[in-house]
N, C-alpha and C. Protein backbone atom coordinates (compact mmCIF):
# COMPACT_ATOMS: atom_id res chain seq x y z
N UNK A 1 0.82 -1.18 0.00
CA UNK A 1 0.00 0.00 0.00
C UNK A 1 0.87 1.27 0.00
N UNK A 2 1.93 1.27 0.78
CA UNK A 2 2.84 2.41 0.84
C UNK A 2 3.52 2.64 -0.50
N UNK A 3 3.87 1.54 -1.15
CA UNK A 3 4.54 1.64 -2.44
C UNK A 3 3.60 2.27 -3.48
N UNK A 4 2.33 1.90 -3.48
CA UNK A 4 1.34 2.47 -4.39
C UNK A 4 1.16 3.96 -4.10
N UNK A 5 1.09 4.31 -2.83
CA UNK A 5 0.94 5.71 -2.44
C UNK A 5 2.15 6.53 -2.89
N UNK A 6 3.36 5.97 -2.76
CA UNK A 6 4.58 6.67 -3.17
C UNK A 6 4.60 6.86 -4.69
N UNK A 7 4.17 5.85 -5.44
CA UNK A 7 4.14 5.95 -6.91
C UNK A 7 3.14 7.04 -7.33
N UNK A 8 1.97 7.05 -6.67
CA UNK A 8 0.95 8.06 -7.00
C UNK A 8 1.46 9.45 -6.67
N UNK A 9 2.10 9.62 -5.52
CA UNK A 9 2.64 10.91 -5.12
C UNK A 9 3.71 11.39 -6.10
N UNK A 10 4.58 10.49 -6.51
CA UNK A 10 5.64 10.83 -7.47
C UNK A 10 5.03 11.22 -8.82
N UNK A 11 4.03 10.45 -9.27
CA UNK A 11 3.37 10.75 -10.55
C UNK A 11 2.67 12.10 -10.48
N UNK A 12 2.01 12.38 -9.37
CA UNK A 12 1.32 13.66 -9.22
C UNK A 12 2.33 14.82 -9.22
N UNK A 13 3.46 14.64 -8.56
CA UNK A 13 4.50 15.68 -8.53
C UNK A 13 5.03 15.93 -9.94
N UNK A 14 5.24 14.85 -10.71
CA UNK A 14 5.72 15.00 -12.09
C UNK A 14 4.67 15.71 -12.95
N UNK A 15 3.41 15.35 -12.79
CA UNK A 15 2.35 16.00 -13.55
C UNK A 15 2.24 17.48 -13.21
N UNK A 16 2.36 17.81 -11.93
CA UNK A 16 2.32 19.22 -11.53
C UNK A 16 3.49 19.99 -12.12
N UNK A 17 4.67 19.37 -12.13
CA UNK A 17 5.85 20.01 -12.72
C UNK A 17 5.65 20.21 -14.22
N UNK A 18 5.08 19.21 -14.88
CA UNK A 18 4.81 19.33 -16.32
C UNK A 18 3.78 20.43 -16.59
N UNK A 19 2.77 20.54 -15.72
CA UNK A 19 1.78 21.61 -15.86
C UNK A 19 2.41 22.99 -15.70
N UNK A 20 3.31 23.14 -14.71
CA UNK A 20 3.98 24.42 -14.50
C UNK A 20 4.86 24.77 -15.70
N UNK A 21 5.57 23.77 -16.25
CA UNK A 21 6.42 24.01 -17.41
C UNK A 21 5.58 24.41 -18.62
N UNK A 22 4.45 23.71 -18.81
CA UNK A 22 3.56 24.04 -19.94
C UNK A 22 2.98 25.44 -19.76
N UNK A 23 2.59 25.80 -18.55
CA UNK A 23 2.06 27.14 -18.30
C UNK A 23 3.13 28.20 -18.55
N UNK A 24 4.38 27.93 -18.17
CA UNK A 24 5.47 28.87 -18.42
C UNK A 24 5.70 29.05 -19.92
N UNK A 25 5.61 27.95 -20.69
CA UNK A 25 5.77 28.05 -22.15
C UNK A 25 4.63 28.87 -22.75
N UNK A 26 3.42 28.63 -22.28
CA UNK A 26 2.27 29.38 -22.78
C UNK A 26 2.43 30.87 -22.44
N UNK A 27 2.85 31.17 -21.23
CA UNK A 27 3.06 32.57 -20.84
C UNK A 27 4.14 33.23 -21.70
N UNK A 28 5.23 32.50 -21.97
CA UNK A 28 6.31 33.05 -22.80
C UNK A 28 5.80 33.30 -24.22
N UNK A 29 5.04 32.38 -24.77
CA UNK A 29 4.48 32.56 -26.12
C UNK A 29 3.52 33.74 -26.14
N UNK A 30 2.71 33.85 -25.11
CA UNK A 30 1.76 34.96 -25.03
C UNK A 30 2.50 36.29 -24.96
N UNK A 31 3.56 36.35 -24.18
CA UNK A 31 4.36 37.57 -24.07
C UNK A 31 4.99 37.93 -25.42
N UNK A 32 5.52 36.93 -26.13
CA UNK A 32 6.08 37.18 -27.46
C UNK A 32 5.00 37.68 -28.42
N UNK A 33 3.83 37.07 -28.36
CA UNK A 33 2.72 37.48 -29.21
C UNK A 33 2.32 38.92 -28.90
N UNK A 34 2.22 39.26 -27.63
CA UNK A 34 1.82 40.62 -27.24
C UNK A 34 2.87 41.64 -27.69
N UNK A 35 4.16 41.29 -27.57
CA UNK A 35 5.23 42.19 -28.03
C UNK A 35 5.14 42.38 -29.55
N UNK A 36 4.87 41.30 -30.26
CA UNK A 36 4.72 41.38 -31.71
C UNK A 36 3.53 42.27 -32.07
N UNK A 37 2.43 42.13 -31.36
CA UNK A 37 1.26 42.97 -31.60
C UNK A 37 1.56 44.44 -31.33
N UNK A 38 2.33 44.71 -30.27
CA UNK A 38 2.71 46.11 -29.97
C UNK A 38 3.54 46.68 -31.12
N UNK A 39 4.49 45.88 -31.63
CA UNK A 39 5.33 46.36 -32.73
C UNK A 39 4.49 46.58 -33.98
N UNK A 40 3.55 45.70 -34.26
CA UNK A 40 2.68 45.89 -35.41
C UNK A 40 1.84 47.16 -35.26
N UNK A 41 1.32 47.38 -34.07
CA UNK A 41 0.51 48.57 -33.80
C UNK A 41 1.33 49.84 -34.02
N UNK A 42 2.56 49.86 -33.47
CA UNK A 42 3.43 51.03 -33.62
C UNK A 42 3.78 51.25 -35.09
N UNK A 43 4.04 50.17 -35.80
CA UNK A 43 4.35 50.26 -37.22
C UNK A 43 3.15 50.81 -37.99
N UNK A 44 1.96 50.32 -37.69
CA UNK A 44 0.74 50.80 -38.35
C UNK A 44 0.53 52.28 -38.08
N UNK A 45 0.71 52.71 -36.84
CA UNK A 45 0.56 54.12 -36.50
C UNK A 45 1.56 54.97 -37.27
N UNK A 46 2.81 54.52 -37.35
CA UNK A 46 3.84 55.27 -38.08
C UNK A 46 3.48 55.36 -39.56
N UNK A 47 3.04 54.25 -40.14
CA UNK A 47 2.67 54.25 -41.55
C UNK A 47 1.48 55.17 -41.82
N UNK A 48 0.51 55.18 -40.93
CA UNK A 48 -0.63 56.07 -41.10
C UNK A 48 -0.21 57.54 -41.03
N UNK A 49 0.68 57.87 -40.09
CA UNK A 49 1.17 59.25 -40.00
C UNK A 49 1.92 59.64 -41.27
N UNK A 50 2.81 58.74 -41.74
CA UNK A 50 3.57 59.03 -42.95
C UNK A 50 2.65 59.16 -44.15
N UNK A 51 1.65 58.29 -44.25
CA UNK A 51 0.70 58.34 -45.35
C UNK A 51 -0.06 59.66 -45.32
N UNK A 52 -0.50 60.07 -44.14
CA UNK A 52 -1.21 61.34 -44.00
C UNK A 52 -0.33 62.49 -44.46
N UNK A 53 0.93 62.50 -44.02
CA UNK A 53 1.85 63.57 -44.38
C UNK A 53 2.09 63.59 -45.89
N UNK A 54 2.28 62.42 -46.47
CA UNK A 54 2.51 62.34 -47.93
C UNK A 54 1.29 62.83 -48.70
N UNK A 55 0.10 62.47 -48.26
CA UNK A 55 -1.11 62.93 -48.93
C UNK A 55 -1.28 64.44 -48.79
N UNK A 56 -0.97 64.95 -47.62
CA UNK A 56 -1.07 66.39 -47.40
C UNK A 56 -0.08 67.14 -48.30
N UNK A 57 1.15 66.63 -48.39
CA UNK A 57 2.15 67.27 -49.24
C UNK A 57 1.74 67.20 -50.71
N UNK A 58 1.21 66.07 -51.14
CA UNK A 58 0.75 65.94 -52.52
C UNK A 58 -0.39 66.90 -52.80
N UNK A 59 -1.31 67.00 -51.88
CA UNK A 59 -2.44 67.91 -52.04
C UNK A 59 -1.95 69.35 -52.14
N UNK A 60 -1.03 69.74 -51.27
CA UNK A 60 -0.49 71.09 -51.31
C UNK A 60 0.25 71.35 -52.61
N UNK A 61 1.00 70.35 -53.10
CA UNK A 61 1.72 70.51 -54.35
C UNK A 61 0.73 70.70 -55.51
N UNK A 62 -0.34 69.90 -55.52
CA UNK A 62 -1.34 70.04 -56.57
C UNK A 62 -2.02 71.40 -56.50
N UNK A 63 -2.35 71.84 -55.30
CA UNK A 63 -2.97 73.17 -55.15
C UNK A 63 -2.03 74.28 -55.58
N UNK A 64 -0.74 74.12 -55.31
CA UNK A 64 0.20 75.18 -55.67
C UNK A 64 0.34 75.32 -57.18
N UNK A 65 0.01 74.28 -57.93
CA UNK A 65 0.11 74.34 -59.39
C UNK A 65 -1.12 74.97 -60.04
N UNK A 66 -2.19 75.11 -59.29
CA UNK A 66 -3.39 75.74 -59.81
C UNK A 66 -3.36 77.22 -59.45
N UNK A 67 -3.67 78.09 -60.40
CA UNK A 67 -3.62 79.54 -60.11
C UNK A 67 -4.64 79.93 -59.05
N UNK A 68 -4.17 80.70 -58.07
CA UNK A 68 -5.06 81.22 -57.04
C UNK A 68 -5.47 80.22 -55.97
N UNK A 69 -4.86 79.05 -55.93
CA UNK A 69 -5.26 78.04 -54.94
C UNK A 69 -4.13 77.67 -53.98
N UNK A 70 -3.10 78.46 -53.90
CA UNK A 70 -2.00 78.13 -52.99
C UNK A 70 -2.52 78.12 -51.56
N UNK A 71 -2.05 77.18 -50.74
CA UNK A 71 -2.52 77.12 -49.35
C UNK A 71 -2.10 78.35 -48.57
N UNK A 72 -2.87 78.68 -47.56
CA UNK A 72 -2.55 79.81 -46.70
C UNK A 72 -1.26 79.51 -45.95
N UNK A 73 -0.62 80.56 -45.45
CA UNK A 73 0.67 80.37 -44.79
C UNK A 73 0.54 79.61 -43.48
N UNK A 74 -0.52 79.81 -42.75
CA UNK A 74 -0.69 79.12 -41.47
C UNK A 74 -1.53 77.87 -41.69
N UNK A 75 -0.92 76.70 -41.49
CA UNK A 75 -1.60 75.43 -41.69
C UNK A 75 -2.25 74.98 -40.38
N UNK A 76 -3.41 74.35 -40.45
CA UNK A 76 -4.00 73.81 -39.22
C UNK A 76 -3.20 72.60 -38.74
N UNK A 77 -3.14 72.42 -37.44
CA UNK A 77 -2.43 71.28 -36.88
C UNK A 77 -3.17 69.99 -37.13
N UNK A 78 -4.48 70.03 -36.99
CA UNK A 78 -5.32 68.86 -37.21
C UNK A 78 -6.15 69.09 -38.46
N UNK A 79 -6.36 68.05 -39.26
CA UNK A 79 -7.19 68.23 -40.45
C UNK A 79 -8.62 68.55 -40.06
N UNK A 80 -9.29 69.37 -40.89
CA UNK A 80 -10.67 69.71 -40.61
C UNK A 80 -11.58 68.52 -40.90
N UNK A 81 -11.22 67.71 -41.83
CA UNK A 81 -11.92 66.46 -42.10
C UNK A 81 -10.91 65.52 -42.73
N UNK A 82 -11.32 64.41 -43.22
CA UNK A 82 -10.37 63.38 -43.62
C UNK A 82 -9.44 63.80 -44.76
N UNK A 83 -9.80 64.79 -45.56
CA UNK A 83 -8.93 65.21 -46.64
C UNK A 83 -8.13 66.47 -46.32
N UNK A 84 -8.35 67.06 -45.15
CA UNK A 84 -7.57 68.20 -44.71
C UNK A 84 -7.77 69.45 -45.55
N UNK A 85 -8.98 69.75 -45.98
CA UNK A 85 -9.24 70.89 -46.84
C UNK A 85 -9.63 72.14 -46.08
N UNK A 86 -9.53 72.14 -44.78
CA UNK A 86 -10.10 73.17 -43.93
C UNK A 86 -9.68 74.59 -44.21
N UNK A 87 -8.43 74.93 -44.38
CA UNK A 87 -8.01 76.32 -44.45
C UNK A 87 -7.59 76.77 -45.85
N UNK A 88 -7.98 76.09 -46.90
CA UNK A 88 -7.58 76.50 -48.23
C UNK A 88 -8.59 77.47 -48.82
N UNK A 89 -8.09 78.47 -49.51
CA UNK A 89 -8.91 79.51 -50.12
C UNK A 89 -9.46 79.00 -51.44
N UNK A 90 -10.76 79.08 -51.61
CA UNK A 90 -11.40 78.68 -52.86
C UNK A 90 -11.68 79.91 -53.71
N UNK A 91 -10.67 80.70 -54.07
CA UNK A 91 -10.88 81.93 -54.80
C UNK A 91 -11.27 81.68 -56.25
N UNK A 92 -11.20 80.45 -56.70
CA UNK A 92 -11.64 80.15 -58.06
C UNK A 92 -13.16 80.27 -58.18
N UNK A 93 -13.88 80.26 -57.06
CA UNK A 93 -15.34 80.43 -57.09
C UNK A 93 -15.65 81.89 -57.40
N UNK A 94 -16.81 82.15 -57.95
CA UNK A 94 -17.20 83.52 -58.25
C UNK A 94 -17.34 84.30 -56.96
N UNK A 95 -16.71 85.43 -56.92
CA UNK A 95 -16.86 86.31 -55.78
C UNK A 95 -15.98 85.95 -54.59
N UNK A 96 -14.97 85.13 -54.76
CA UNK A 96 -14.05 84.83 -53.66
C UNK A 96 -14.32 83.51 -53.01
N UNK A 97 -13.84 83.35 -51.79
CA UNK A 97 -13.97 82.06 -51.11
C UNK A 97 -15.41 81.64 -50.92
N UNK A 98 -15.65 80.34 -51.04
CA UNK A 98 -17.01 79.82 -50.88
C UNK A 98 -17.34 79.59 -49.43
N UNK A 99 -16.36 79.69 -48.56
CA UNK A 99 -16.63 79.49 -47.14
C UNK A 99 -15.66 80.33 -46.34
N UNK A 100 -15.98 80.48 -45.07
CA UNK A 100 -15.14 81.25 -44.17
C UNK A 100 -13.78 80.59 -44.05
N UNK A 101 -12.72 81.41 -44.00
CA UNK A 101 -11.39 80.84 -43.85
C UNK A 101 -11.10 80.45 -42.40
N UNK A 102 -12.01 80.79 -41.50
CA UNK A 102 -11.85 80.39 -40.10
C UNK A 102 -12.35 78.97 -39.93
N UNK A 103 -11.49 78.08 -39.43
CA UNK A 103 -11.95 76.69 -39.27
C UNK A 103 -13.08 76.60 -38.26
N UNK A 104 -14.01 75.69 -38.51
CA UNK A 104 -15.12 75.49 -37.58
C UNK A 104 -14.81 74.33 -36.67
N UNK A 105 -15.38 74.39 -35.49
CA UNK A 105 -15.23 73.30 -34.53
C UNK A 105 -16.27 72.24 -34.83
N UNK A 106 -16.05 71.05 -34.33
CA UNK A 106 -17.00 69.96 -34.55
C UNK A 106 -18.37 70.37 -34.02
N UNK A 107 -19.38 70.21 -34.84
CA UNK A 107 -20.73 70.55 -34.42
C UNK A 107 -21.18 71.93 -34.88
N UNK A 108 -20.24 72.83 -35.24
CA UNK A 108 -20.62 74.15 -35.72
C UNK A 108 -20.93 74.08 -37.20
N UNK A 109 -21.79 74.97 -37.65
CA UNK A 109 -22.12 75.01 -39.07
C UNK A 109 -21.07 75.82 -39.82
N UNK A 110 -20.73 75.38 -41.01
CA UNK A 110 -19.85 76.15 -41.87
C UNK A 110 -20.60 77.33 -42.44
N UNK A 111 -19.88 78.37 -42.82
CA UNK A 111 -20.54 79.55 -43.36
C UNK A 111 -20.43 79.55 -44.88
N UNK A 112 -21.13 78.64 -45.53
CA UNK A 112 -21.14 78.57 -47.00
C UNK A 112 -22.03 79.67 -47.56
N UNK A 113 -21.57 80.26 -48.67
CA UNK A 113 -22.36 81.27 -49.36
C UNK A 113 -23.04 80.61 -50.56
N UNK A 114 -24.19 81.08 -50.88
CA UNK A 114 -24.86 80.61 -52.09
C UNK A 114 -24.37 81.42 -53.25
N UNK A 115 -23.90 80.78 -54.29
CA UNK A 115 -23.35 81.50 -55.45
C UNK A 115 -24.41 81.66 -56.51
């Protein structure tokens, strides 16, 4: 009876050790996965910022080639909407700009004129 009890105790100790080792491997893999996800997130954020900057520069270059559409000297820090058209003068419209050159806050109405 003692011998059976000793075998069971030894087997249980080995199983517990195997469980701890497996849990440590799972934790290490999870940590590696989380680090990889952080790097992917940072890379995605950097790419989005670079893409935004490149699109803004392209837009400004295109506007500078059109007569009377050069961007104003003071650029907004944040885009007014997804294309960043907030502070550009639309003097190509009849009678000057089609909207106020003052950027509006979220929820405020723009001051569009009827032409």
